[in-house]
Amino acid sequence: IFDRRRQLKINPAFISIDGRDTTDPPVIFPVADIEAFRYGIQWIKGTHFVIGRTYLLEIRSTGKRTIKIRLRSVYGIRSKLLGEKYIRILNALIETYFNDMAAHYTGLLDQGMSYELSGIPVSPEGILLNSKKGLVFWSRLQMNRYIFYFTLSDKNEPENYRMLYYEHDWNAAILLAVADYGMAKCRLQRRS
């Protein structure tokens, strides 16, 4: 509410945002340095009820620097305007940077490579939700999507699951896309 207007530039080569203070230089991340993102909505609670919301967008670089974008509405003031702005920024970030990142990670699966995403080991065979329970093969993976989070679980052992929040877990949306891809690829292989 009391923050000044700052310019955000979403360019295929970089992302930049003005510094918090007028004397601060802009924060710039080249596209190659963008490592992770997360987004969500935090509710602002009054004494007895919710009085507003904060839309959150965070982009992290390989150097662990973070661009934080906060759009705050209290008592419904500018809530529609800020909600629309949040959606436009989020869609632009996904289209400009994170669709390519998801394609990169699905490509690694196609090449037979394993990696870790959102703290979860991913391999061409499946995903490791719990190290004590072992690998969950793509054919046994089950996914449930909700507004603020999603769950991944083993169809045969529902207690073997992980819950990831878009707001708290870095690259949760990319892991969701990779899991979707792995499950779809498995279904196609079983049909042929």
C-alpha atoms as a PDB file:
ATOM      1  CA  ILE A   1       0.000   0.000   0.000  1.00  0.00           C
ATOM      2  CA  PHE A   2       2.683   2.517   0.968  1.00  0.00           C
ATOM      3  CA  ASP A   3       5.339   1.273  -1.461  1.00  0.00           C
ATOM      4  CA  ARG A   4       6.270   3.324  -4.489  1.00  0.00           C
ATOM      5  CA  ARG A   5       5.518   2.165  -8.023  1.00  0.00           C
ATOM      6  CA  ARG A   6       8.446   0.156  -9.432  1.00  0.00           C
ATOM      7  CA  GLN A   7       9.142  -0.788 -13.027  1.00  0.00           C
ATOM      8  CA  LEU A   8       9.365  -4.495 -13.882  1.00  0.00           C
ATOM      9  CA  LYS A   9      10.890  -5.535 -17.215  1.00  0.00           C
ATOM     10  CA  ILE A  10      10.278  -9.065 -18.478  1.00  0.00           C
ATOM     11  CA  ASN A  11      12.500  -9.588 -21.501  1.00  0.00           C
ATOM     12  CA  PRO A  12      13.554 -12.891 -23.141  1.00  0.00           C
ATOM     13  CA  ALA A  13      17.183 -12.003 -22.307  1.00  0.00           C
ATOM     14  CA  PHE A  14      16.727 -10.755 -18.720  1.00  0.00           C
ATOM     15  CA  ILE A  15      14.358  -9.712 -15.954  1.00  0.00           C
ATOM     16  CA  SER A  16      14.799  -6.484 -14.013  1.00  0.00           C
ATOM     17  CA  ILE A  17      12.984  -4.504 -11.363  1.00  0.00           C
ATOM     18  CA  ASP A  18      13.726  -1.079  -9.907  1.00  0.00           C
ATOM     19  CA  GLY A  19      15.434  -1.006  -6.531  1.00  0.00           C
ATOM     20  CA  ARG A  20      13.346  -0.584  -3.377  1.00  0.00           C
ATOM     21  CA  ASP A  21      14.579   2.971  -2.941  1.00  0.00           C
ATOM     22  CA  THR A  22      14.891   5.589  -5.692  1.00  0.00           C
ATOM     23  CA  THR A  23      18.666   5.672  -5.135  1.00  0.00           C
ATOM     24  CA  ASP A  24      19.056   1.868  -5.395  1.00  0.00           C
ATOM     25  CA  PRO A  25      20.096   0.486  -8.783  1.00  0.00           C
ATOM     26  CA  PRO A  26      17.699  -1.897 -10.547  1.00  0.00           C
ATOM     27  CA  VAL A  27      18.059  -5.619  -9.839  1.00  0.00           C
ATOM     28  CA  ILE A  28      18.795  -7.457 -13.094  1.00  0.00           C
ATOM     29  CA  PHE A  29      18.984 -11.222 -13.688  1.00  0.00           C
ATOM     30  CA  PRO A  30      20.144 -12.498 -17.089  1.00  0.00           C
ATOM     31  CA  VAL A  31      17.896 -15.329 -18.275  1.00  0.00           C
ATOM     32  CA  ALA A  32      20.750 -17.844 -17.804  1.00  0.00           C
ATOM     33  CA  ASP A  33      20.913 -16.942 -14.091  1.00  0.00           C
ATOM     34  CA  ILE A  34      17.215 -17.523 -13.369  1.00  0.00           C
ATOM     35  CA  GLU A  35      17.059 -20.688 -11.287  1.00  0.00           C
ATOM     36  CA  ALA A  36      13.653 -20.892  -9.610  1.00  0.00           C
ATOM     37  CA  PHE A  37      10.347 -19.211  -8.934  1.00  0.00           C
ATOM     38  CA  ARG A  38       7.383 -19.426  -6.629  1.00  0.00           C
ATOM     39  CA  TYR A  39       4.110 -17.574  -6.340  1.00  0.00           C
ATOM     40  CA  GLY A  40       0.968 -17.419  -4.273  1.00  0.00           C
ATOM     41  CA  ILE A  41      -1.434 -15.420  -2.164  1.00  0.00           C
ATOM     42  CA  GLN A  42      -1.067 -14.677   1.538  1.00  0.00           C
ATOM     43  CA  TRP A  43      -4.123 -13.555   3.460  1.00  0.00           C
ATOM     44  CA  ILE A  44      -3.872 -10.535   5.733  1.00  0.00           C
ATOM     45  CA  LYS A  45      -5.803 -11.378   8.890  1.00  0.00           C
ATOM     46  CA  GLY A  46      -7.458  -8.873  11.175  1.00  0.00           C
ATOM     47  CA  THR A  47      -8.666  -9.631  14.667  1.00  0.00           C
ATOM     48  CA  HIS A  48     -11.686 -11.665  13.593  1.00  0.00           C
ATOM     49  CA  PHE A  49     -11.568 -11.966   9.821  1.00  0.00           C
ATOM     50  CA  VAL A  50      -9.435 -11.564   6.711  1.00  0.00           C
ATOM     51  CA  ILE A  51      -8.922  -7.899   5.830  1.00  0.00           C
ATOM     52  CA  GLY A  52      -6.801  -8.222   2.703  1.00  0.00           C
ATOM     53  CA  ARG A  53      -4.366 -10.184   0.620  1.00  0.00           C
ATOM     54  CA  THR A  54      -0.802 -10.033  -0.659  1.00  0.00           C
ATOM     55  CA  TYR A  55      -0.001 -11.467  -4.072  1.00  0.00           C
ATOM     56  CA  LEU A  56       3.534 -12.886  -4.042  1.00  0.00           C
ATOM     57  CA  LEU A  57       5.923 -13.537  -6.917  1.00  0.00           C
ATOM     58  CA  GLU A  58       9.558 -14.465  -6.282  1.00  0.00           C
ATOM     59  CA  ILE A  59      12.314 -15.209  -8.786  1.00  0.00           C
ATOM     60  CA  ARG A  60      15.640 -16.603  -7.565  1.00  0.00           C
ATOM     61  CA  SER A  61      18.966 -16.417  -9.363  1.00  0.00           C
ATOM     62  CA  THR A  62      21.778 -18.966  -9.316  1.00  0.00           C
ATOM     63  CA  GLY A  63      23.608 -16.590  -6.941  1.00  0.00           C
ATOM     64  CA  LYS A  64      20.668 -17.012  -4.486  1.00  0.00           C
ATOM     65  CA  ARG A  65      19.570 -13.395  -4.982  1.00  0.00           C
ATOM     66  CA  THR A  66      15.807 -12.959  -5.113  1.00  0.00           C
ATOM     67  CA  ILE A  67      13.486 -10.563  -6.857  1.00  0.00           C
ATOM     68  CA  LYS A  68      10.402 -10.215  -4.663  1.00  0.00           C
ATOM     69  CA  ILE A  69       7.214  -8.738  -6.048  1.00  0.00           C
ATOM     70  CA  ARG A  70       4.423  -7.975  -3.588  1.00  0.00           C
ATOM     71  CA  LEU A  71       1.020  -6.603  -4.556  1.00  0.00           C
ATOM     72  CA  ARG A  72      -0.988  -5.787  -1.432  1.00  0.00           C
ATOM     73  CA  SER A  73      -4.671  -4.985  -1.102  1.00  0.00           C
ATOM     74  CA  VAL A  74      -6.365  -4.157   2.214  1.00  0.00           C
ATOM     75  CA  TYR A  75     -10.133  -3.833   2.739  1.00  0.00           C
ATOM     76  CA  GLY A  76     -10.732  -4.626  -0.935  1.00  0.00           C
ATOM     77  CA  ILE A  77      -8.989  -1.464  -2.148  1.00  0.00           C
ATOM     78  CA  ARG A  78      -7.609  -2.164  -5.644  1.00  0.00           C
ATOM     79  CA  SER A  79      -8.108  -5.924  -5.164  1.00  0.00           C
ATOM     80  CA  LYS A  80      -9.493  -6.472  -8.677  1.00  0.00           C
ATOM     81  CA  LEU A  81      -6.800  -4.317 -10.301  1.00  0.00           C
ATOM     82  CA  LEU A  82      -3.989  -6.009  -8.345  1.00  0.00           C
ATOM     83  CA  GLY A  83      -5.421  -9.478  -8.990  1.00  0.00           C
ATOM     84  CA  GLU A  84      -5.425  -8.811 -12.732  1.00  0.00           C
ATOM     85  CA  LYS A  85      -1.895  -7.386 -12.582  1.00  0.00           C
ATOM     86  CA  TYR A  86      -0.723 -10.456 -10.621  1.00  0.00           C
ATOM     87  CA  ILE A  87      -2.170 -12.823 -13.246  1.00  0.00           C
ATOM     88  CA  ARG A  88      -0.598 -10.818 -16.111  1.00  0.00           C
ATOM     89  CA  ILE A  89       2.837 -10.827 -14.452  1.00  0.00           C
ATOM     90  CA  LEU A  90       2.622 -14.523 -13.542  1.00  0.00           C
ATOM     91  CA  ASN A  91       1.570 -15.510 -17.068  1.00  0.00           C
ATOM     92  CA  ALA A  92       4.340 -13.379 -18.593  1.00  0.00           C
ATOM     93  CA  LEU A  93       6.942 -14.985 -16.301  1.00  0.00           C
ATOM     94  CA  ILE A  94       5.732 -18.493 -17.124  1.00  0.00           C
ATOM     95  CA  GLU A  95       5.629 -17.856 -20.878  1.00  0.00           C
ATOM     96  CA  THR A  96       8.953 -15.996 -21.019  1.00  0.00           C
ATOM     97  CA  TYR A  97      11.098 -18.091 -18.671  1.00  0.00           C
ATOM     98  CA  PHE A  98       9.484 -21.042 -16.971  1.00  0.00           C
ATOM     99  CA  ASN A  99       7.903 -22.919 -19.882  1.00  0.00           C
ATOM    100  CA  ASP A 100      11.440 -23.223 -21.271  1.00  0.00           C
ATOM    101  CA  MET A 101      12.683 -24.385 -17.877  1.00  0.00           C
ATOM    102  CA  ALA A 102       9.990 -27.089 -17.724  1.00  0.00           C
ATOM    103  CA  ALA A 103      10.890 -28.153 -21.279  1.00  0.00           C
ATOM    104  CA  HIS A 104      14.546 -28.367 -20.201  1.00  0.00           C
ATOM    105  CA  TYR A 105      13.706 -30.685 -17.301  1.00  0.00           C
ATOM    106  CA  THR A 106      11.422 -32.911 -19.386  1.00  0.00           C
ATOM    107  CA  GLY A 107      14.198 -33.059 -21.992  1.00  0.00           C
ATOM    108  CA  LEU A 108      16.593 -34.317 -19.308  1.00  0.00           C
ATOM    109  CA  LEU A 109      14.138 -37.158 -18.597  1.00  0.00           C
ATOM    110  CA  ASP A 110      14.079 -38.020 -22.299  1.00  0.00           C
ATOM    111  CA  GLN A 111      17.891 -38.150 -22.247  1.00  0.00           C
ATOM    112  CA  GLY A 112      17.774 -40.614 -19.349  1.00  0.00           C
ATOM    113  CA  MET A 113      19.176 -38.183 -16.790  1.00  0.00           C
ATOM    114  CA  SER A 114      18.174 -37.881 -13.123  1.00  0.00           C
ATOM    115  CA  TYR A 115      18.025 -34.642 -11.137  1.00  0.00           C
ATOM    116  CA  GLU A 116      16.427 -33.009  -8.114  1.00  0.00           C
ATOM    117  CA  LEU A 117      13.582 -30.506  -8.374  1.00  0.00           C
ATOM    118  CA  SER A 118      11.878 -28.841  -5.386  1.00  0.00           C
ATOM    119  CA  GLY A 119      13.913 -31.131  -3.146  1.00  0.00           C
ATOM    120  CA  ILE A 120      12.500 -34.248  -4.824  1.00  0.00           C
ATOM    121  CA  PRO A 121      14.708 -36.638  -6.814  1.00  0.00           C
ATOM    122  CA  VAL A 122      13.329 -37.243 -10.317  1.00  0.00           C
ATOM    123  CA  SER A 123      14.509 -39.992 -12.670  1.00  0.00           C
ATOM    124  CA  PRO A 124      13.372 -41.416 -16.013  1.00  0.00           C
ATOM    125  CA  GLU A 125      11.784 -44.330 -14.087  1.00  0.00           C
ATOM    126  CA  GLY A 126       9.874 -42.250 -11.548  1.00  0.00           C
ATOM    127  CA  ILE A 127      10.060 -39.975  -8.556  1.00  0.00           C
ATOM    128  CA  LEU A 128      11.310 -40.432  -4.984  1.00  0.00           C
ATOM    129  CA  LEU A 129       8.708 -39.018  -2.598  1.00  0.00           C
ATOM    130  CA  ASN A 130      10.093 -40.663   0.540  1.00  0.00           C
ATOM    131  CA  SER A 131      13.580 -42.185   0.767  1.00  0.00           C
ATOM    132  CA  LYS A 132      12.312 -44.873   3.180  1.00  0.00           C
ATOM    133  CA  LYS A 133       9.545 -45.989   0.813  1.00  0.00           C
ATOM    134  CA  GLY A 134      11.613 -46.095  -2.388  1.00  0.00           C
ATOM    135  CA  LEU A 135      11.014 -44.915  -5.918  1.00  0.00           C
ATOM    136  CA  VAL A 136       7.452 -44.380  -7.138  1.00  0.00           C
ATOM    137  CA  PHE A 137       7.305 -45.398 -10.799  1.00  0.00           C
ATOM    138  CA  TRP A 138       5.507 -43.073 -13.198  1.00  0.00           C
ATOM    139  CA  SER A 139       2.832 -45.729 -13.748  1.00  0.00           C
ATOM    140  CA  ARG A 140       2.010 -45.698 -10.005  1.00  0.00           C
ATOM    141  CA  LEU A 141       2.205 -41.943  -9.456  1.00  0.00           C
ATOM    142  CA  GLN A 142      -1.026 -40.151  -8.668  1.00  0.00           C
ATOM    143  CA  MET A 143      -1.538 -36.397  -8.617  1.00  0.00           C
ATOM    144  CA  ASN A 144      -4.179 -34.198  -6.986  1.00  0.00           C
ATOM    145  CA  ARG A 145      -4.305 -30.486  -7.840  1.00  0.00           C
ATOM    146  CA  TYR A 146      -5.728 -27.783  -5.638  1.00  0.00           C
ATOM    147  CA  ILE A 147      -5.705 -23.989  -5.830  1.00  0.00           C
ATOM    148  CA  PHE A 148      -2.682 -23.333  -3.621  1.00  0.00           C
ATOM    149  CA  TYR A 149      -0.899 -26.694  -3.671  1.00  0.00           C
ATOM    150  CA  PHE A 150      -0.778 -30.155  -5.196  1.00  0.00           C
ATOM    151  CA  THR A 151       0.012 -33.633  -3.924  1.00  0.00           C
ATOM    152  CA  LEU A 152       1.976 -36.465  -5.477  1.00  0.00           C
ATOM    153  CA  SER A 153       1.399 -39.937  -4.091  1.00  0.00           C
ATOM    154  CA  ASP A 154       1.803 -43.634  -4.796  1.00  0.00           C
ATOM    155  CA  LYS A 155      -1.470 -45.245  -5.975  1.00  0.00           C
ATOM    156  CA  ASN A 156      -0.586 -48.438  -4.121  1.00  0.00           C
ATOM    157  CA  GLU A 157       0.592 -46.709  -0.915  1.00  0.00           C
ATOM    158  CA  PRO A 158      -1.368 -43.472  -0.379  1.00  0.00           C
ATOM    159  CA  GLU A 159       0.621 -42.713   2.789  1.00  0.00           C
ATOM    160  CA  ASN A 160       3.698 -42.283   0.550  1.00  0.00           C
ATOM    161  CA  TYR A 161       2.983 -38.747  -0.616  1.00  0.00           C
ATOM    162  CA  ARG A 162       4.386 -35.238  -0.847  1.00  0.00           C
ATOM    163  CA  MET A 163       2.466 -31.998  -0.708  1.00  0.00           C
ATOM    164  CA  LEU A 164       3.975 -28.988  -2.470  1.00  0.00           C
ATOM    165  CA  TYR A 165       2.777 -25.411  -2.165  1.00  0.00           C
ATOM    166  CA  TYR A 166       3.274 -23.033  -5.085  1.00  0.00           C
ATOM    167  CA  GLU A 167       3.919 -20.237  -2.596  1.00  0.00           C
ATOM    168  CA  HIS A 168       6.518 -21.974  -0.400  1.00  0.00           C
ATOM    169  CA  ASP A 169       8.300 -24.536  -2.580  1.00  0.00           C
ATOM    170  CA  TRP A 170      10.708 -23.263  -5.220  1.00  0.00           C
ATOM    171  CA  ASN A 171       9.842 -24.593  -8.708  1.00  0.00           C
ATOM    172  CA  ALA A 172       6.787 -26.517  -7.494  1.00  0.00           C
ATOM    173  CA  ALA A 173       4.938 -25.555 -10.697  1.00  0.00           C
ATOM    174  CA  ILE A 174       7.816 -26.913 -12.780  1.00  0.00           C
ATOM    175  CA  LEU A 175       7.809 -30.171 -10.816  1.00  0.00           C
ATOM    176  CA  LEU A 176       4.077 -30.415 -11.486  1.00  0.00           C
ATOM    177  CA  ALA A 177       4.718 -30.029 -15.239  1.00  0.00           C
ATOM    178  CA  VAL A 178       7.510 -32.649 -15.122  1.00  0.00           C
ATOM    179  CA  ALA A 179       5.299 -35.099 -13.198  1.00  0.00           C
ATOM    180  CA  ASP A 180       2.492 -34.533 -15.716  1.00  0.00           C
ATOM    181  CA  TYR A 181       4.937 -35.237 -18.521  1.00  0.00           C
ATOM    182  CA  GLY A 182       6.358 -38.372 -16.885  1.00  0.00           C
ATOM    183  CA  MET A 183       2.887 -39.776 -16.231  1.00  0.00           C
ATOM    184  CA  ALA A 184       1.652 -38.969 -19.765  1.00  0.00           C
ATOM    185  CA  LYS A 185       4.753 -40.512 -21.346  1.00  0.00           C
ATOM    186  CA  CYS A 186       4.251 -43.661 -19.274  1.00  0.00           C
ATOM    187  CA  ARG A 187       0.605 -43.922 -20.392  1.00  0.00           C
ATOM    188  CA  LEU A 188       1.638 -43.560 -24.045  1.00  0.00           C
ATOM    189  CA  GLN A 189       4.309 -46.263 -23.692  1.00  0.00           C
ATOM    190  CA  ARG A 190       1.799 -48.678 -22.140  1.00  0.00           C
ATOM    191  CA  ARG A 191      -0.648 -48.139 -25.028  1.00  0.00           C
ATOM    192  CA  SER A 192       1.909 -48.827 -27.742  1.00  0.00           C
END
